[in-house]
């Protein structure tokens, strides 16, 4: 009985590890799709000039943000599950 359980755990771990690689690739792709607003440290602290507000932007940018956050959360949750197995 333990042998079957061990095989099942190995199968689930392999599937989740493969899924982790796919999620990581999608996450990198989504992050690279984001356009840079400002360059350098001044942009990081909001010192740079102009630009839209934090919540502003087109519908495409908002959907890209949502997809990026979704895959980031999925990546973290999958990592935690992999650590527990």
PDB file of N, CA and C in Angstrom:
ATOM      1  N   UNK A   1       0.822  -1.190   0.000  1.00  0.00           N
ATOM      2  CA  UNK A   1       0.000   0.000   0.000  1.00  0.00           C
ATOM      3  C   UNK A   1       0.863   1.250   0.000  1.00  0.00           C
ATOM      4  N   UNK A   2       1.953   1.241   0.756  1.00  0.00           N
ATOM      5  CA  UNK A   2       2.817   2.405   0.799  1.00  0.00           C
ATOM      6  C   UNK A   2       3.463   2.668  -0.550  1.00  0.00           C
ATOM      7  N   UNK A   3       3.759   1.609  -1.262  1.00  0.00           N
ATOM      8  CA  UNK A   3       4.408   1.763  -2.550  1.00  0.00           C
ATOM      9  C   UNK A   3       3.519   2.542  -3.515  1.00  0.00           C
ATOM     10  N   UNK A   4       2.233   2.238  -3.528  1.00  0.00           N
ATOM     11  CA  UNK A   4       1.296   2.946  -4.399  1.00  0.00           C
ATOM     12  C   UNK A   4       1.196   4.412  -3.981  1.00  0.00           C
ATOM     13  N   UNK A   5       1.211   4.667  -2.685  1.00  0.00           N
ATOM     14  CA  UNK A   5       1.148   6.035  -2.188  1.00  0.00           C
ATOM     15  C   UNK A   5       2.404   6.806  -2.585  1.00  0.00           C
ATOM     16  N   UNK A   6       3.557   6.143  -2.494  1.00  0.00           N
ATOM     17  CA  UNK A   6       4.808   6.786  -2.884  1.00  0.00           C
ATOM     18  C   UNK A   6       4.802   7.117  -4.373  1.00  0.00           C
ATOM     19  N   UNK A   7       4.278   6.220  -5.196  1.00  0.00           N
ATOM     20  CA  UNK A   7       4.193   6.469  -6.635  1.00  0.00           C
ATOM     21  C   UNK A   7       3.273   7.641  -6.947  1.00  0.00           C
ATOM     22  N   UNK A   8       2.169   7.718  -6.222  1.00  0.00           N
ATOM     23  CA  UNK A   8       1.222   8.816  -6.409  1.00  0.00           C
ATOM     24  C   UNK A   8       1.862  10.150  -6.020  1.00  0.00           C
ATOM     25  N   UNK A   9       2.576  10.169  -4.905  1.00  0.00           N
ATOM     26  CA  UNK A   9       3.250  11.387  -4.459  1.00  0.00           C
ATOM     27  C   UNK A   9       4.301  11.820  -5.465  1.00  0.00           C
ATOM     28  N   UNK A  10       5.047  10.872  -5.994  1.00  0.00           N
ATOM     29  CA  UNK A  10       6.063  11.182  -7.002  1.00  0.00           C
ATOM     30  C   UNK A  10       5.426  11.747  -8.265  1.00  0.00           C
ATOM     31  N   UNK A  11       4.289  11.184  -8.668  1.00  0.00           N
ATOM     32  CA  UNK A  11       3.583  11.656  -9.857  1.00  0.00           C
ATOM     33  C   UNK A  11       3.073  13.085  -9.660  1.00  0.00           C
ATOM     34  N   UNK A  12       2.479  13.344  -8.501  1.00  0.00           N
ATOM     35  CA  UNK A  12       1.966  14.687  -8.203  1.00  0.00           C
ATOM     36  C   UNK A  12       3.117  15.690  -8.140  1.00  0.00           C
ATOM     37  N   UNK A  13       4.220  15.299  -7.501  1.00  0.00           N
ATOM     38  CA  UNK A  13       5.372  16.184  -7.405  1.00  0.00           C
ATOM     39  C   UNK A  13       5.933  16.508  -8.795  1.00  0.00           C
ATOM     40  N   UNK A  14       6.026  15.495  -9.646  1.00  0.00           N
ATOM     41  CA  UNK A  14       6.536  15.699 -11.008  1.00  0.00           C
ATOM     42  C   UNK A  14       5.617  16.621 -11.793  1.00  0.00           C
ATOM     43  N   UNK A  15       4.325  16.416 -11.680  1.00  0.00           N
ATOM     44  CA  UNK A  15       3.357  17.263 -12.378  1.00  0.00           C
ATOM     45  C   UNK A  15       3.441  18.709 -11.894  1.00  0.00           C
ATOM     46  N   UNK A  16       3.521  18.905 -10.576  1.00  0.00           N
ATOM     47  CA  UNK A  16       3.605  20.261 -10.024  1.00  0.00           C
ATOM     48  C   UNK A  16       4.939  20.929 -10.373  1.00  0.00           C
ATOM     49  N   UNK A  17       6.019  20.156 -10.427  1.00  0.00           N
ATOM     50  CA  UNK A  17       7.316  20.718 -10.815  1.00  0.00           C
ATOM     51  C   UNK A  17       7.295  21.160 -12.274  1.00  0.00           C
ATOM     52  N   UNK A  18       6.675  20.358 -13.130  1.00  0.00           N
ATOM     53  CA  UNK A  18       6.539  20.734 -14.534  1.00  0.00           C
ATOM     54  C   UNK A  18       5.672  21.986 -14.665  1.00  0.00           C
ATOM     55  N   UNK A  19       4.590  22.032 -13.903  1.00  0.00           N
ATOM     56  CA  UNK A  19       3.707  23.202 -13.896  1.00  0.00           C
ATOM     57  C   UNK A  19       4.448  24.442 -13.399  1.00  0.00           C
ATOM     58  N   UNK A  20       5.344  24.267 -12.441  1.00  0.00           N
ATOM     59  CA  UNK A  20       6.132  25.387 -11.912  1.00  0.00           C
ATOM     60  C   UNK A  20       7.002  26.003 -12.997  1.00  0.00           C
ATOM     61  N   UNK A  21       7.604  25.166 -13.827  1.00  0.00           N
ATOM     62  CA  UNK A  21       8.446  25.657 -14.923  1.00  0.00           C
ATOM     63  C   UNK A  21       7.599  26.430 -15.933  1.00  0.00           C
ATOM     64  N   UNK A  22       6.420  25.918 -16.248  1.00  0.00           N
ATOM     65  CA  UNK A  22       5.524  26.595 -17.192  1.00  0.00           C
ATOM     66  C   UNK A  22       5.080  27.938 -16.624  1.00  0.00           C
ATOM     67  N   UNK A  23       4.667  27.955 -15.360  1.00  0.00           N
ATOM     68  CA  UNK A  23       4.221  29.205 -14.718  1.00  0.00           C
ATOM     69  C   UNK A  23       5.362  30.213 -14.691  1.00  0.00           C
ATOM     70  N   UNK A  24       6.577  29.769 -14.386  1.00  0.00           N
ATOM     71  CA  UNK A  24       7.731  30.673 -14.343  1.00  0.00           C
ATOM     72  C   UNK A  24       7.986  31.280 -15.721  1.00  0.00           C
ATOM     73  N   UNK A  25       7.886  30.471 -16.762  1.00  0.00           N
ATOM     74  CA  UNK A  25       8.083  30.985 -18.119  1.00  0.00           C
ATOM     75  C   UNK A  25       7.031  32.011 -18.501  1.00  0.00           C
ATOM     76  N   UNK A  26       5.770  31.725 -18.175  1.00  0.00           N
ATOM     77  CA  UNK A  26       4.688  32.673 -18.459  1.00  0.00           C
ATOM     78  C   UNK A  26       4.887  33.954 -17.669  1.00  0.00           C
ATOM     79  N   UNK A  27       5.302  33.828 -16.413  1.00  0.00           N
ATOM     80  CA  UNK A  27       5.517  35.000 -15.561  1.00  0.00           C
ATOM     81  C   UNK A  27       6.635  35.878 -16.102  1.00  0.00           C
ATOM     82  N   UNK A  28       7.727  35.274 -16.532  1.00  0.00           N
ATOM     83  CA  UNK A  28       8.824  36.043 -17.121  1.00  0.00           C
ATOM     84  C   UNK A  28       8.339  36.758 -18.388  1.00  0.00           C
ATOM     85  N   UNK A  29       7.584  36.051 -19.216  1.00  0.00           N
ATOM     86  CA  UNK A  29       7.047  36.644 -20.440  1.00  0.00           C
ATOM     87  C   UNK A  29       6.137  37.836 -20.121  1.00  0.00           C
ATOM     88  N   UNK A  30       5.249  37.671 -19.144  1.00  0.00           N
ATOM     89  CA  UNK A  30       4.340  38.759 -18.773  1.00  0.00           C
ATOM     90  C   UNK A  30       5.099  39.960 -18.215  1.00  0.00           C
ATOM     91  N   UNK A  31       6.116  39.710 -17.416  1.00  0.00           N
ATOM     92  CA  UNK A  31       6.900  40.811 -16.855  1.00  0.00           C
ATOM     93  C   UNK A  31       7.633  41.555 -17.955  1.00  0.00           C
ATOM     94  N   UNK A  32       8.152  40.823 -18.932  1.00  0.00           N
ATOM     95  CA  UNK A  32       8.857  41.479 -20.033  1.00  0.00           C
ATOM     96  C   UNK A  32       7.923  42.270 -20.945  1.00  0.00           C
ATOM     97  N   UNK A  33       6.635  41.950 -20.932  1.00  0.00           N
ATOM     98  CA  UNK A  33       5.673  42.697 -21.736  1.00  0.00           C
ATOM     99  C   UNK A  33       5.378  44.082 -21.170  1.00  0.00           C
ATOM    100  N   UNK A  34       5.622  44.266 -19.880  1.00  0.00           N
ATOM    101  CA  UNK A  34       5.363  45.558 -19.261  1.00  0.00           C
ATOM    102  C   UNK A  34       6.292  46.606 -19.851  1.00  0.00           C
ATOM    103  N   UNK A  35       5.731  47.765 -20.109  1.00  0.00           N
ATOM    104  CA  UNK A  35       6.564  48.854 -20.623  1.00  0.00           C
ATOM    105  C   UNK A  35       7.143  49.631 -19.460  1.00  0.00           C
ATOM    106  N   UNK A  36       8.401  50.045 -19.600  1.00  0.00           N
ATOM    107  CA  UNK A  36       9.044  50.805 -18.541  1.00  0.00           C
ATOM    108  C   UNK A  36       8.529  52.238 -18.528  1.00  0.00           C
ATOM    109  N   UNK A  37       8.156  52.721 -17.381  1.00  0.00           N
ATOM    110  CA  UNK A  37       7.652  54.089 -17.256  1.00  0.00           C
ATOM    111  C   UNK A  37       8.802  55.080 -17.114  1.00  0.00           C
ATOM    112  N   UNK A  38       9.655  54.866 -16.132  1.00  0.00           N
ATOM    113  CA  UNK A  38      10.797  55.740 -15.878  1.00  0.00           C
ATOM    114  C   UNK A  38      12.030  54.865 -15.705  1.00  0.00           C
ATOM    115  N   UNK A  39      13.174  55.481 -15.855  1.00  0.00           N
ATOM    116  CA  UNK A  39      14.411  54.718 -15.726  1.00  0.00           C
ATOM    117  C   UNK A  39      15.138  55.115 -14.444  1.00  0.00           C
ATOM    118  N   UNK A  40      15.870  54.176 -13.918  1.00  0.00           N
ATOM    119  CA  UNK A  40      16.720  54.472 -12.774  1.00  0.00           C
ATOM    120  C   UNK A  40      15.988  54.552 -11.457  1.00  0.00           C
ATOM    121  N   UNK A  41      16.717  54.978 -10.434  1.00  0.00           N
ATOM    122  CA  UNK A  41      16.154  55.066  -9.094  1.00  0.00           C
ATOM    123  C   UNK A  41      15.127  56.179  -8.966  1.00  0.00           C
ATOM    124  N   UNK A  42      15.258  57.226  -9.764  1.00  0.00           N
ATOM    125  CA  UNK A  42      14.278  58.310  -9.674  1.00  0.00           C
ATOM    126  C   UNK A  42      12.891  57.813 -10.068  1.00  0.00           C
ATOM    127  N   UNK A  43      12.816  56.913 -11.036  1.00  0.00           N
ATOM    128  CA  UNK A  43      11.535  56.353 -11.423  1.00  0.00           C
ATOM    129  C   UNK A  43      10.979  55.416 -10.373  1.00  0.00           C
ATOM    130  N   UNK A  44      11.857  54.750  -9.673  1.00  0.00           N
ATOM    131  CA  UNK A  44      11.409  53.812  -8.647  1.00  0.00           C
ATOM    132  C   UNK A  44      10.748  54.531  -7.480  1.00  0.00           C
ATOM    133  N   UNK A  45      11.217  55.752  -7.180  1.00  0.00           N
ATOM    134  CA  UNK A  45      10.661  56.497  -6.064  1.00  0.00           C
ATOM    135  C   UNK A  45       9.667  57.566  -6.492  1.00  0.00           C
ATOM    136  N   UNK A  46       9.310  57.590  -7.779  1.00  0.00           N
ATOM    137  CA  UNK A  46       8.306  58.542  -8.244  1.00  0.00           C
ATOM    138  C   UNK A  46       8.822  59.946  -8.416  1.00  0.00           C
ATOM    139  N   UNK A  47      10.133  60.115  -8.482  1.00  0.00           N
ATOM    140  CA  UNK A  47      10.705  61.444  -8.620  1.00  0.00           C
ATOM    141  C   UNK A  47      10.712  61.872 -10.081  1.00  0.00           C
ATOM    142  N   UNK A  48      10.709  60.879 -10.971  1.00  0.00           N
ATOM    143  CA  UNK A  48      10.736  61.177 -12.399  1.00  0.00           C
ATOM    144  C   UNK A  48       9.530  61.989 -12.817  1.00  0.00           C
ATOM    145  N   UNK A  49       9.659  62.707 -13.905  1.00  0.00           N
ATOM    146  CA  UNK A  49       8.598  63.606 -14.336  1.00  0.00           C
ATOM    147  C   UNK A  49       7.469  62.898 -15.040  1.00  0.00           C
ATOM    148  N   UNK A  50       6.318  63.584 -15.136  1.00  0.00           N
ATOM    149  CA  UNK A  50       5.187  63.185 -15.955  1.00  0.00           C
ATOM    150  C   UNK A  50       4.641  61.813 -15.657  1.00  0.00           C
ATOM    151  N   UNK A  51       3.987  61.271 -16.693  1.00  0.00           N
ATOM    152  CA  UNK A  51       3.443  59.929 -16.561  1.00  0.00           C
ATOM    153  C   UNK A  51       2.056  59.938 -15.977  1.00  0.00           C
ATOM    154  N   UNK A  52       1.428  58.798 -16.023  1.00  0.00           N
ATOM    155  CA  UNK A  52       0.086  58.682 -15.490  1.00  0.00           C
ATOM    156  C   UNK A  52       0.133  58.285 -14.023  1.00  0.00           C
ATOM    157  N   UNK A  53      -1.027  58.335 -13.400  1.00  0.00           N
ATOM    158  CA  UNK A  53      -1.091  57.938 -11.998  1.00  0.00           C
ATOM    159  C   UNK A  53      -0.906  56.428 -11.881  1.00  0.00           C
ATOM    160  N   UNK A  54      -0.787  55.954 -10.659  1.00  0.00           N
ATOM    161  CA  UNK A  54      -0.510  54.536 -10.438  1.00  0.00           C
ATOM    162  C   UNK A  54      -1.620  53.662 -11.007  1.00  0.00           C
ATOM    163  N   UNK A  55      -2.856  54.049 -10.808  1.00  0.00           N
ATOM    164  CA  UNK A  55      -3.979  53.244 -11.272  1.00  0.00           C
ATOM    165  C   UNK A  55      -4.356  53.497 -12.708  1.00  0.00           C
ATOM    166  N   UNK A  56      -3.697  54.442 -13.358  1.00  0.00           N
ATOM    167  CA  UNK A  56      -4.071  54.804 -14.713  1.00  0.00           C
ATOM    168  C   UNK A  56      -3.582  53.816 -15.739  1.00  0.00           C
ATOM    169  N   UNK A  57      -3.916  54.078 -16.975  1.00  0.00           N
ATOM    170  CA  UNK A  57      -3.453  53.234 -18.058  1.00  0.00           C
ATOM    171  C   UNK A  57      -4.611  52.671 -18.844  1.00  0.00           C
ATOM    172  N   UNK A  58      -4.272  52.040 -19.933  1.00  0.00           N
ATOM    173  CA  UNK A  58      -5.300  51.489 -20.788  1.00  0.00           C
ATOM    174  C   UNK A  58      -5.819  50.168 -20.233  1.00  0.00           C
ATOM    175  N   UNK A  59      -6.877  49.693 -20.854  1.00  0.00           N
ATOM    176  CA  UNK A  59      -7.469  48.420 -20.438  1.00  0.00           C
ATOM    177  C   UNK A  59      -6.478  47.280 -20.654  1.00  0.00           C
ATOM    178  N   UNK A  60      -5.678  47.351 -21.709  1.00  0.00           N
ATOM    179  CA  UNK A  60      -4.692  46.308 -21.983  1.00  0.00           C
ATOM    180  C   UNK A  60      -3.651  46.266 -20.865  1.00  0.00           C
ATOM    181  N   UNK A  61      -3.190  47.437 -20.418  1.00  0.00           N
ATOM    182  CA  UNK A  61      -2.203  47.483 -19.338  1.00  0.00           C
ATOM    183  C   UNK A  61      -2.781  46.950 -18.035  1.00  0.00           C
ATOM    184  N   UNK A  62      -4.025  47.278 -17.757  1.00  0.00           N
ATOM    185  CA  UNK A  62      -4.656  46.777 -16.528  1.00  0.00           C
ATOM    186  C   UNK A  62      -4.824  45.273 -16.574  1.00  0.00           C
ATOM    187  N   UNK A  63      -5.220  44.742 -17.739  1.00  0.00           N
ATOM    188  CA  UNK A  63      -5.358  43.292 -17.867  1.00  0.00           C
ATOM    189  C   UNK A  63      -4.003  42.600 -17.777  1.00  0.00           C
ATOM    190  N   UNK A  64      -2.965  43.236 -18.312  1.00  0.00           N
ATOM    191  CA  UNK A  64      -1.617  42.695 -18.201  1.00  0.00           C
ATOM    192  C   UNK A  64      -1.171  42.677 -16.742  1.00  0.00           C
ATOM    193  N   UNK A  65      -1.491  43.737 -16.016  1.00  0.00           N
ATOM    194  CA  UNK A  65      -1.177  43.787 -14.584  1.00  0.00           C
ATOM    195  C   UNK A  65      -1.896  42.679 -13.822  1.00  0.00           C
ATOM    196  N   UNK A  66      -3.176  42.496 -14.125  1.00  0.00           N
ATOM    197  CA  UNK A  66      -3.959  41.455 -13.448  1.00  0.00           C
ATOM    198  C   UNK A  66      -3.408  40.067 -13.750  1.00  0.00           C
ATOM    199  N   UNK A  67      -3.066  39.823 -15.007  1.00  0.00           N
ATOM    200  CA  UNK A  67      -2.522  38.516 -15.375  1.00  0.00           C
ATOM    201  C   UNK A  67      -1.186  38.271 -14.692  1.00  0.00           C
ATOM    202  N   UNK A  68      -0.355  39.316 -14.602  1.00  0.00           N
ATOM    203  CA  UNK A  68       0.943  39.179 -13.948  1.00  0.00           C
ATOM    204  C   UNK A  68       0.774  38.860 -12.467  1.00  0.00           C
ATOM    205  N   UNK A  69      -0.129  39.557 -11.806  1.00  0.00           N
ATOM    206  CA  UNK A  69      -0.378  39.303 -10.381  1.00  0.00           C
ATOM    207  C   UNK A  69      -0.952  37.900 -10.194  1.00  0.00           C
ATOM    208  N   UNK A  70      -1.861  37.491 -11.064  1.00  0.00           N
ATOM    209  CA  UNK A  70      -2.457  36.165 -10.970  1.00  0.00           C
ATOM    210  C   UNK A  70      -1.385  35.075 -11.069  1.00  0.00           C
ATOM    211  N   UNK A  71      -0.509  35.183 -12.068  1.00  0.00           N
ATOM    212  CA  UNK A  71       0.524  34.169 -12.242  1.00  0.00           C
ATOM    213  C   UNK A  71       1.581  34.240 -11.140  1.00  0.00           C
ATOM    214  N   UNK A  72       1.822  35.428 -10.597  1.00  0.00           N
ATOM    215  CA  UNK A  72       2.759  35.542  -9.477  1.00  0.00           C
ATOM    216  C   UNK A  72       2.208  34.838  -8.239  1.00  0.00           C
ATOM    217  N   UNK A  73       0.926  35.030  -7.955  1.00  0.00           N
ATOM    218  CA  UNK A  73       0.290  34.361  -6.815  1.00  0.00           C
ATOM    219  C   UNK A  73       0.264  32.852  -7.050  1.00  0.00           C
ATOM    220  N   UNK A  74      -0.048  32.440  -8.283  1.00  0.00           N
ATOM    221  CA  UNK A  74      -0.046  31.026  -8.623  1.00  0.00           C
ATOM    222  C   UNK A  74       1.336  30.410  -8.442  1.00  0.00           C
ATOM    223  N   UNK A  75       2.370  31.158  -8.812  1.00  0.00           N
ATOM    224  CA  UNK A  75       3.753  30.701  -8.657  1.00  0.00           C
ATOM    225  C   UNK A  75       4.090  30.493  -7.183  1.00  0.00           C
ATOM    226  N   UNK A  76       3.716  31.444  -6.350  1.00  0.00           N
ATOM    227  CA  UNK A  76       4.000  31.343  -4.909  1.00  0.00           C
ATOM    228  C   UNK A  76       3.234  30.177  -4.291  1.00  0.00           C
ATOM    229  N   UNK A  77       1.959  30.037  -4.627  1.00  0.00           N
ATOM    230  CA  UNK A  77       1.166  28.942  -4.073  1.00  0.00           C
ATOM    231  C   UNK A  77       1.712  27.581  -4.509  1.00  0.00           C
ATOM    232  N   UNK A  78       2.089  27.477  -5.775  1.00  0.00           N
ATOM    233  CA  UNK A  78       2.649  26.222  -6.265  1.00  0.00           C
ATOM    234  C   UNK A  78       3.978  25.912  -5.574  1.00  0.00           C
ATOM    235  N   UNK A  79       4.778  26.945  -5.314  1.00  0.00           N
ATOM    236  CA  UNK A  79       6.036  26.755  -4.593  1.00  0.00           C
ATOM    237  C   UNK A  79       5.793  26.225  -3.185  1.00  0.00           C
ATOM    238  N   UNK A  80       4.804  26.790  -2.503  1.00  0.00           N
ATOM    239  CA  UNK A  80       4.478  26.332  -1.149  1.00  0.00           C
ATOM    240  C   UNK A  80       3.982  24.888  -1.148  1.00  0.00           C
ATOM    241  N   UNK A  81       3.171  24.533  -2.141  1.00  0.00           N
ATOM    242  CA  UNK A  81       2.690  23.146  -2.233  1.00  0.00           C
ATOM    243  C   UNK A  81       3.855  22.205  -2.507  1.00  0.00           C
ATOM    244  N   UNK A  82       4.762  22.609  -3.388  1.00  0.00           N
ATOM    245  CA  UNK A  82       5.926  21.770  -3.678  1.00  0.00           C
ATOM    246  C   UNK A  82       6.809  21.580  -2.446  1.00  0.00           C
ATOM    247  N   UNK A  83       6.901  22.596  -1.622  1.00  0.00           N
ATOM    248  CA  UNK A  83       7.720  22.483  -0.402  1.00  0.00           C
ATOM    249  C   UNK A  83       7.067  21.549   0.619  1.00  0.00           C
ATOM    250  N   UNK A  84       5.741  21.466   0.604  1.00  0.00           N
ATOM    251  CA  UNK A  84       5.037  20.630   1.565  1.00  0.00           C
ATOM    252  C   UNK A  84       5.075  19.152   1.189  1.00  0.00           C
ATOM    253  N   UNK A  85       5.223  18.852  -0.102  1.00  0.00           N
ATOM    254  CA  UNK A  85       5.200  17.451  -0.551  1.00  0.00           C
ATOM    255  C   UNK A  85       6.498  16.764  -0.184  1.00  0.00           C
TER     256      UNK A  85
END
